Amino acid sequence: MSNDLLTLLLGDAETAAQLSPDAELTAILLFESALAIAEAAEGVIPAEAAAAITLKLANLTLDQDALRDGAAKDGVIIPALVAQLRAEVGEPFANFVHFGATSQDAVDTSLIIRLSAILTLFEQRLHAITERHLALAAAYGPKPLMARTRMQEALPITVADRIAAWQSPLDRALTRLDELRPRLLVLQLGGPVGTLGELGDKRDAVTRRLAEALGLGHRAQSWHTQRDAIAELGNWLSLVTGALGKIGQDVALMAQNPIGEIALAGAGGSSAMPHKQNPVKAEVLVALARYNAALLGGLHQSLVHEQERSGAAWTLEWLVLPQMLLCTGASLRTAIELQNSITALGKANG
C-alpha cells in the first residue's frame, strides 16, 4: 500500500514485513550461506571457504544504496550484492561466494522462504475466520433470514445457511493450500542456464542438502522459466479474496437500513450525514476481491518466459505478486475485524 494514509484501511503490516527489502536480503544471505555449507559438505568448495563465507555473512551490513544502483543497471540486485559479499569475504575465498549459482537462484529462493512464512500467516487467519463463523452460527444460527436470488426476495432460510455458504469456500481454500505447498515451496538452484553445470556430478547432492537446510522441497530440474506454481499461488490468492469479497457483499446488503439483518459495531461515519453507519470493512472486502481478480491476469502474463530466462516476465512477476499478497493479507485481516464487529445477525423480529 503506497499511500500511508490508507495503510490501516487497505494494508497489512505483517504481510508487508515479509515483502520488505530487509526481509528479502535476510533470506538471500541465508541462501548464500547455506549454499556454501552444502557445497563444502559435498567437496565442491573448500570447507575453509564455507567457514569464511558464513562468518562474514552473519555479521554483514549491506550498502543498500549500491544495491539500488546495481538493480537500476543490471535489472536485479544480485550482481551488486555478490560484489559486496566477495569484497567482504576477501581472498583467497572470494570466488567461492555464490559458486555455481545465478541471480535468479538467490532471488527466487528468497521469495519462496518468505512465501512459506506468509502462507503460514494466511492459514492462521483462515482458521481464525472459521472459528468466528462457528461462534456466529452457535449464537445466531437458527434465526431466520430471507434468501434473495437475483437481488429479489426468494424463500426463508436461516443464518446458519448463509454462514455455511460463507465458510465452504474457505474450507476448500485450506485444502487447496495443503495441496499447493509441496509444488510451490521448492528450492530454486539451477545456475546460469538451469543445468548447474559448474557443480558437475555433485549437483543433485548439493541441491538436496541445500533444500533440506532451508526447509524447502527439492526438484530435479530448476524452475527458472517454469512459473506455474507461482501462477497457481495467484489463483489461490484470488480465490481467497473472492470468497471474502462475497462475505463483504452479503454483509453490506444485509446492513442496508430497510433490511437490517445485521448490526455492526464501529461502522464508518459520514462527513455530511451523521446518521449514517457505513459498512466500510465489508466494502473493503469487495474492493480487494475485485482488485486481486484484476491482478491475476497480469500474473498469468508472467508465465511467458522466452527460452532459459526472461527479464521482462520476471520483472512483471515482481510488480504483480507482492500486490496480490498484500491484498490477500489485508482482506484476511479485514474479514476478521468485520466478523468481530458483528453484534446481531438475523431478522430483528426472528
Protein backbone atom coordinates (compact mmCIF):
# COMPACT_ATOMS: atom_id res chain seq x y z
CA MET A 1 0.00 0.00 0.00
CA SER A 2 1.86 3.08 -1.28
CA ASN A 3 -0.42 5.68 0.37
CA ASP A 4 0.45 5.77 4.08
CA LEU A 5 -2.87 7.44 4.88
CA LEU A 6 -4.69 4.31 3.70
CA THR A 7 -2.39 1.73 5.27
CA LEU A 8 -4.72 0.84 8.14
CA LEU A 9 -7.62 0.55 5.71
CA LEU A 10 -6.06 -1.34 2.79
CA GLY A 11 -2.67 -2.55 4.02
CA ASP A 12 -1.34 -5.33 6.20
CA ALA A 13 1.77 -4.80 8.29
CA GLU A 14 2.57 -8.48 8.88
CA THR A 15 2.47 -9.34 5.19
CA ALA A 16 4.34 -6.17 4.26
CA ALA A 17 7.14 -7.08 6.68
CA GLN A 18 7.86 -10.27 4.71
CA LEU A 19 7.96 -8.28 1.46
CA SER A 20 10.33 -5.58 2.75
CA PRO A 21 13.87 -5.10 1.44
CA ASP A 22 15.27 -6.21 4.80
CA ALA A 23 13.32 -9.47 4.71
CA GLU A 24 14.38 -10.12 1.12
CA LEU A 25 18.06 -9.50 1.84
CA THR A 26 17.98 -11.60 5.01
CA ALA A 27 16.60 -14.55 3.05
CA ILE A 28 19.14 -14.05 0.25
CA LEU A 29 22.02 -14.09 2.74
CA LEU A 30 20.54 -17.22 4.32
CA PHE A 31 20.55 -18.84 0.88
CA GLU A 32 24.14 -17.82 0.14
CA SER A 33 25.42 -19.11 3.49
CA ALA A 34 23.52 -22.39 3.22
CA LEU A 35 24.74 -22.82 -0.37
CA ALA A 36 28.37 -22.52 0.72
CA ILE A 37 27.85 -25.03 3.55
CA ALA A 38 26.11 -27.51 1.23
CA GLU A 39 28.84 -27.20 -1.40
CA ALA A 40 31.57 -27.66 1.17
CA ALA A 41 29.85 -30.74 2.59
CA GLU A 42 29.91 -32.30 -0.88
CA GLY A 43 33.50 -31.27 -1.61
CA VAL A 44 32.60 -28.68 -4.25
CA ILE A 45 34.32 -25.83 -2.40
CA PRO A 46 36.85 -25.96 0.47
CA ALA A 47 35.47 -26.23 3.99
CA GLU A 48 37.60 -23.21 4.93
CA ALA A 49 35.83 -21.18 2.25
CA ALA A 50 32.39 -22.08 3.62
CA ALA A 51 33.52 -21.16 7.14
CA ALA A 52 34.80 -17.78 5.98
CA ILE A 53 31.66 -17.07 3.96
CA THR A 54 29.22 -17.94 6.74
CA LEU A 55 31.21 -15.93 9.29
CA LYS A 56 31.29 -12.80 7.15
CA LEU A 57 27.66 -13.05 6.04
CA ALA A 58 26.44 -13.46 9.62
CA ASN A 59 27.77 -10.01 10.56
CA LEU A 60 27.39 -8.11 7.31
CA THR A 61 25.97 -4.61 6.86
CA LEU A 62 24.99 -4.14 3.24
CA ASP A 63 25.21 -0.90 1.27
CA GLN A 64 21.60 -0.72 0.10
CA ASP A 65 22.19 2.42 -1.98
CA ALA A 66 24.73 0.44 -4.01
CA LEU A 67 22.19 -2.37 -4.38
CA ARG A 68 19.58 0.06 -5.70
CA ASP A 69 22.09 1.47 -8.16
CA GLY A 70 23.02 -2.06 -9.21
CA ALA A 71 19.40 -3.02 -9.75
CA ALA A 72 18.90 0.03 -11.96
CA LYS A 73 21.90 -1.01 -14.06
CA ASP A 74 21.65 -4.82 -14.06
CA GLY A 75 17.90 -5.31 -13.65
CA VAL A 76 18.44 -7.31 -10.44
CA ILE A 77 20.29 -6.64 -7.18
CA ILE A 78 22.38 -9.83 -7.08
CA PRO A 79 25.45 -8.77 -9.15
CA ALA A 80 25.96 -5.77 -6.87
CA LEU A 81 25.20 -7.86 -3.80
CA VAL A 82 27.65 -10.62 -4.75
CA ALA A 83 30.31 -7.98 -5.38
CA GLN A 84 29.82 -6.72 -1.83
CA LEU A 85 29.89 -10.25 -0.41
CA ARG A 86 33.08 -11.15 -2.25
CA ALA A 87 34.77 -7.95 -1.15
CA GLU A 88 33.82 -8.70 2.44
CA VAL A 89 34.99 -12.33 2.33
CA GLY A 90 38.21 -11.39 0.55
CA GLU A 91 40.94 -13.61 -0.79
CA PRO A 92 41.55 -16.49 -1.09
CA PHE A 93 37.87 -17.43 -0.78
CA ALA A 94 36.00 -14.61 -2.55
CA ASN A 95 35.33 -16.58 -5.73
CA PHE A 96 33.60 -19.34 -3.76
CA VAL A 97 30.77 -16.94 -2.82
CA HIS A 98 27.65 -17.70 -4.88
CA PHE A 99 29.60 -20.51 -6.58
CA GLY A 100 27.64 -22.25 -9.35
CA ALA A 101 24.52 -20.18 -8.69
CA THR A 102 22.88 -17.37 -10.64
CA SER A 103 20.92 -14.27 -9.66
CA GLN A 104 17.58 -15.96 -10.14
CA ASP A 105 18.52 -18.75 -7.73
CA ALA A 106 19.08 -16.26 -4.92
CA VAL A 107 16.07 -14.06 -5.64
CA ASP A 108 13.60 -16.90 -6.22
CA THR A 109 14.72 -18.88 -3.19
CA SER A 110 14.46 -15.75 -1.05
CA LEU A 111 10.91 -15.34 -2.33
CA ILE A 112 10.00 -18.94 -1.52
CA ILE A 113 11.43 -18.70 2.01
CA ARG A 114 9.26 -15.64 2.63
CA LEU A 115 6.21 -17.13 0.95
CA SER A 116 6.40 -20.01 3.41
CA ALA A 117 6.05 -17.56 6.29
CA ILE A 118 3.30 -15.58 4.54
CA LEU A 119 1.23 -18.69 3.80
CA THR A 120 1.52 -19.78 7.43
CA LEU A 121 0.16 -16.37 8.44
CA PHE A 122 -2.69 -16.65 5.93
CA GLU A 123 -3.55 -20.14 7.12
CA GLN A 124 -3.74 -18.94 10.72
CA ARG A 125 -6.10 -16.17 9.69
CA LEU A 126 -8.31 -18.54 7.72
CA HIS A 127 -8.61 -20.71 10.81
CA ALA A 128 -9.49 -17.64 12.88
CA ILE A 129 -12.27 -16.77 10.43
CA THR A 130 -13.53 -20.35 10.59
CA GLU A 131 -13.66 -20.21 14.39
CA ARG A 132 -15.59 -16.96 14.25
CA HIS A 133 -18.07 -18.45 11.79
CA LEU A 134 -18.65 -21.33 14.20
CA ALA A 135 -19.25 -18.85 17.02
CA LEU A 136 -21.70 -16.82 14.94
CA ALA A 137 -23.55 -19.96 13.91
CA ALA A 138 -23.81 -21.05 17.54
CA ALA A 139 -25.13 -17.64 18.60
CA TYR A 140 -27.47 -16.84 15.72
CA GLY A 141 -27.76 -19.94 13.53
CA PRO A 142 -31.49 -20.72 13.97
CA LYS A 143 -32.60 -17.13 13.38
CA PRO A 144 -34.46 -16.55 10.10
CA LEU A 145 -33.21 -14.69 7.05
CA MET A 146 -34.82 -14.03 3.71
CA ALA A 147 -32.97 -15.68 0.88
CA ARG A 148 -32.57 -13.44 -2.14
CA THR A 149 -31.92 -14.59 -5.67
CA ARG A 150 -31.05 -12.03 -8.32
CA MET A 151 -31.49 -9.36 -5.62
CA GLN A 152 -35.13 -10.29 -5.11
CA GLU A 153 -36.79 -11.94 -2.10
CA ALA A 154 -37.00 -15.69 -2.60
CA LEU A 155 -37.71 -18.07 0.33
CA PRO A 156 -36.84 -18.12 4.05
CA ILE A 157 -33.51 -19.57 5.19
CA THR A 158 -31.56 -19.36 8.44
CA VAL A 159 -28.42 -17.54 9.49
CA ALA A 160 -26.71 -20.94 9.64
CA ASP A 161 -27.48 -21.48 5.95
CA ARG A 162 -25.80 -18.24 4.95
CA ILE A 163 -22.78 -18.82 7.19
CA ALA A 164 -22.35 -22.26 5.64
CA ALA A 165 -22.23 -20.61 2.21
CA TRP A 166 -19.57 -18.22 3.52
CA GLN A 167 -17.45 -20.92 5.11
CA SER A 168 -17.44 -23.69 2.50
CA PRO A 169 -15.13 -21.87 0.03
CA LEU A 170 -12.73 -21.15 2.89
CA ASP A 171 -12.65 -24.85 3.80
CA ARG A 172 -11.73 -25.60 0.21
CA ALA A 173 -9.08 -22.86 0.29
CA LEU A 174 -7.40 -24.58 3.23
CA THR A 175 -7.46 -27.89 1.37
CA ARG A 176 -6.01 -26.26 -1.74
CA LEU A 177 -3.28 -24.66 0.36
CA ASP A 178 -2.18 -28.06 1.62
CA GLU A 179 -2.04 -29.26 -1.97
CA LEU A 180 -0.20 -26.17 -3.21
CA ARG A 181 2.61 -26.04 -0.66
CA PRO A 182 4.62 -29.04 -1.98
CA ARG A 183 4.51 -27.62 -5.52
CA LEU A 184 5.35 -24.05 -4.52
CA LEU A 185 7.75 -24.19 -1.58
CA VAL A 186 10.64 -25.60 -3.60
CA LEU A 187 14.28 -24.56 -3.70
CA GLN A 188 15.49 -22.77 -6.81
CA LEU A 189 19.03 -23.75 -7.80
CA GLY A 190 19.89 -24.02 -11.47
CA GLY A 191 22.96 -21.95 -12.17
CA PRO A 192 23.37 -19.74 -15.23
CA VAL A 193 21.19 -21.77 -17.65
CA GLY A 194 19.35 -24.09 -15.29
CA THR A 195 21.69 -27.10 -15.55
CA LEU A 196 24.03 -26.50 -12.57
CA GLY A 197 26.93 -27.34 -14.88
CA GLU A 198 29.60 -25.99 -12.54
CA LEU A 199 28.63 -28.50 -9.85
CA GLY A 200 29.16 -31.50 -12.14
CA ASP A 201 28.08 -34.81 -10.63
CA LYS A 202 27.55 -33.13 -7.24
CA ARG A 203 24.60 -31.03 -8.39
CA ASP A 204 21.85 -33.32 -7.11
CA ALA A 205 23.56 -33.92 -3.77
CA VAL A 206 24.18 -30.19 -3.23
CA THR A 207 20.60 -29.32 -4.21
CA ARG A 208 19.11 -31.88 -1.85
CA ARG A 209 21.36 -30.82 1.01
CA LEU A 210 20.59 -27.13 0.44
CA ALA A 211 16.84 -27.72 0.20
CA GLU A 212 16.87 -29.64 3.47
CA ALA A 213 18.87 -26.92 5.21
CA LEU A 214 16.36 -24.27 4.13
CA GLY A 215 13.30 -26.39 4.90
CA LEU A 216 12.21 -26.42 1.26
CA GLY A 217 11.27 -29.07 -1.24
CA HIS A 218 13.62 -30.39 -3.90
CA ARG A 219 13.00 -30.65 -7.61
CA ALA A 220 15.31 -32.44 -10.03
CA GLN A 221 15.10 -29.59 -12.53
CA SER A 222 15.31 -25.86 -11.82
CA TRP A 223 12.12 -23.88 -12.41
CA HIS A 224 13.67 -20.63 -13.65
CA THR A 225 11.18 -20.36 -16.52
CA GLN A 226 8.52 -22.69 -15.13
CA ARG A 227 6.34 -20.33 -13.11
CA ASP A 228 3.18 -22.44 -12.96
CA ALA A 229 3.40 -22.83 -9.18
CA ILE A 230 3.61 -19.04 -8.82
CA ALA A 231 0.57 -18.69 -11.07
CA GLU A 232 -1.21 -21.34 -9.01
CA LEU A 233 -0.45 -19.30 -5.91
CA GLY A 234 -2.02 -16.29 -7.62
CA ASN A 235 -5.12 -18.34 -8.36
CA TRP A 236 -5.32 -19.33 -4.69
CA LEU A 237 -4.90 -15.74 -3.51
CA SER A 238 -7.68 -14.57 -5.80
CA LEU A 239 -9.96 -17.40 -4.68
CA VAL A 240 -9.43 -16.44 -1.04
CA THR A 241 -10.11 -12.75 -1.57
CA GLY A 242 -13.05 -13.60 -3.82
CA ALA A 243 -14.61 -15.75 -1.09
CA LEU A 244 -14.10 -12.98 1.46
CA GLY A 245 -15.44 -10.42 -1.00
CA LYS A 246 -18.67 -12.43 -1.27
CA ILE A 247 -18.97 -12.22 2.53
CA GLY A 248 -18.37 -8.49 2.36
CA GLN A 249 -21.00 -8.04 -0.34
CA ASP A 250 -23.57 -10.00 1.66
CA VAL A 251 -22.85 -8.05 4.83
CA ALA A 252 -23.13 -4.70 3.01
CA LEU A 253 -26.53 -5.70 1.62
CA MET A 254 -27.74 -7.11 4.95
CA ALA A 255 -26.75 -3.84 6.66
CA GLN A 256 -28.98 -1.66 4.46
CA ASN A 257 -31.45 0.37 6.51
CA PRO A 258 -34.69 -1.17 5.21
CA ILE A 259 -33.28 -4.70 5.58
CA GLY A 260 -31.43 -4.55 8.90
CA GLU A 261 -30.41 -8.19 9.05
CA ILE A 262 -27.04 -7.45 10.66
CA ALA A 263 -25.73 -4.97 13.24
CA LEU A 264 -22.12 -3.82 13.18
CA ALA A 265 -20.24 -2.05 15.95
CA GLY A 266 -17.93 0.77 14.92
CA ALA A 267 -19.28 1.23 11.41
CA GLY A 268 -17.97 4.13 9.35
CA GLY A 269 -19.36 7.64 9.62
CA SER A 270 -20.15 10.34 7.06
CA SER A 271 -18.82 13.91 6.95
CA ALA A 272 -22.18 15.23 5.76
CA MET A 273 -24.76 12.79 7.18
CA PRO A 274 -24.10 11.97 10.84
CA HIS A 275 -26.96 9.46 10.95
CA LYS A 276 -25.22 7.11 8.52
CA GLN A 277 -23.39 3.93 9.55
CA ASN A 278 -21.39 2.82 6.53
CA PRO A 279 -20.26 -0.86 6.32
CA VAL A 280 -16.69 0.18 5.46
CA LYS A 281 -14.95 -3.11 6.20
CA ALA A 282 -17.48 -5.03 4.12
CA GLU A 283 -16.92 -2.62 1.23
CA VAL A 284 -13.15 -3.03 1.54
CA LEU A 285 -13.52 -6.81 1.17
CA VAL A 286 -15.43 -6.30 -2.07
CA ALA A 287 -12.85 -3.85 -3.43
CA LEU A 288 -9.90 -6.09 -2.52
CA ALA A 289 -11.56 -9.10 -4.15
CA ARG A 290 -12.04 -7.21 -7.39
CA TYR A 291 -8.51 -5.78 -7.30
CA ASN A 292 -6.93 -9.20 -6.83
CA ALA A 293 -9.03 -10.64 -9.64
CA ALA A 294 -7.79 -7.83 -11.90
CA LEU A 295 -4.16 -8.51 -10.91
CA LEU A 296 -4.45 -12.23 -11.61
CA GLY A 297 -4.38 -11.74 -15.37
CA GLY A 298 -1.11 -9.82 -15.05
CA LEU A 299 0.45 -12.64 -13.04
CA HIS A 300 -0.57 -15.15 -15.69
CA GLN A 301 1.13 -12.97 -18.30
CA SER A 302 4.38 -13.56 -16.41
CA LEU A 303 4.21 -17.25 -17.30
CA VAL A 304 5.55 -16.41 -20.74
CA HIS A 305 9.33 -16.70 -20.40
CA GLU A 306 11.45 -16.81 -23.51
CA GLN A 307 13.89 -19.72 -23.62
CA GLU A 308 16.06 -20.15 -20.49
CA ARG A 309 15.34 -16.83 -18.74
CA SER A 310 13.22 -13.74 -19.19
CA GLY A 311 13.97 -10.39 -17.67
CA ALA A 312 10.60 -8.98 -18.71
CA ALA A 313 8.40 -11.79 -17.40
CA TRP A 314 10.35 -11.99 -14.15
CA THR A 315 10.08 -8.23 -13.61
CA LEU A 316 6.34 -8.37 -14.27
CA GLU A 317 6.04 -11.00 -11.55
CA TRP A 318 7.86 -8.67 -9.13
CA LEU A 319 5.31 -5.96 -9.89
CA VAL A 320 2.19 -8.08 -9.51
CA LEU A 321 2.76 -10.83 -6.94
CA PRO A 322 3.60 -8.60 -3.95
CA GLN A 323 0.43 -6.60 -4.58
CA MET A 324 -1.64 -9.80 -4.62
CA LEU A 325 -0.05 -10.97 -1.38
CA LEU A 326 -0.64 -7.61 0.32
CA CYS A 327 -4.21 -7.57 -0.96
CA THR A 328 -4.86 -11.03 0.47
CA GLY A 329 -3.28 -10.20 3.80
CA ALA A 330 -5.41 -7.06 4.06
CA SER A 331 -8.52 -8.99 3.10
CA LEU A 332 -7.98 -11.69 5.73
CA ARG A 333 -7.24 -9.08 8.39
CA THR A 334 -10.30 -7.04 7.46
CA ALA A 335 -12.56 -10.11 7.42
CA ILE A 336 -11.56 -10.93 10.99
CA GLU A 337 -12.21 -7.33 12.07
CA LEU A 338 -15.58 -7.34 10.32
CA GLN A 339 -16.65 -10.57 11.98
CA ASN A 340 -15.60 -9.26 15.38
CA SER A 341 -17.76 -6.18 14.84
CA ILE A 342 -20.99 -8.18 14.35
CA THR A 343 -23.32 -7.61 17.31
CA ALA A 344 -26.52 -9.06 15.86
CA LEU A 345 -27.36 -11.32 12.92
CA GLY A 346 -30.72 -12.36 11.50
CA LYS A 347 -34.10 -10.69 11.13
CA ALA A 348 -34.87 -8.33 14.01
CA ASN A 349 -38.24 -9.97 14.63
CA GLY A 350 -36.86 -13.51 14.24
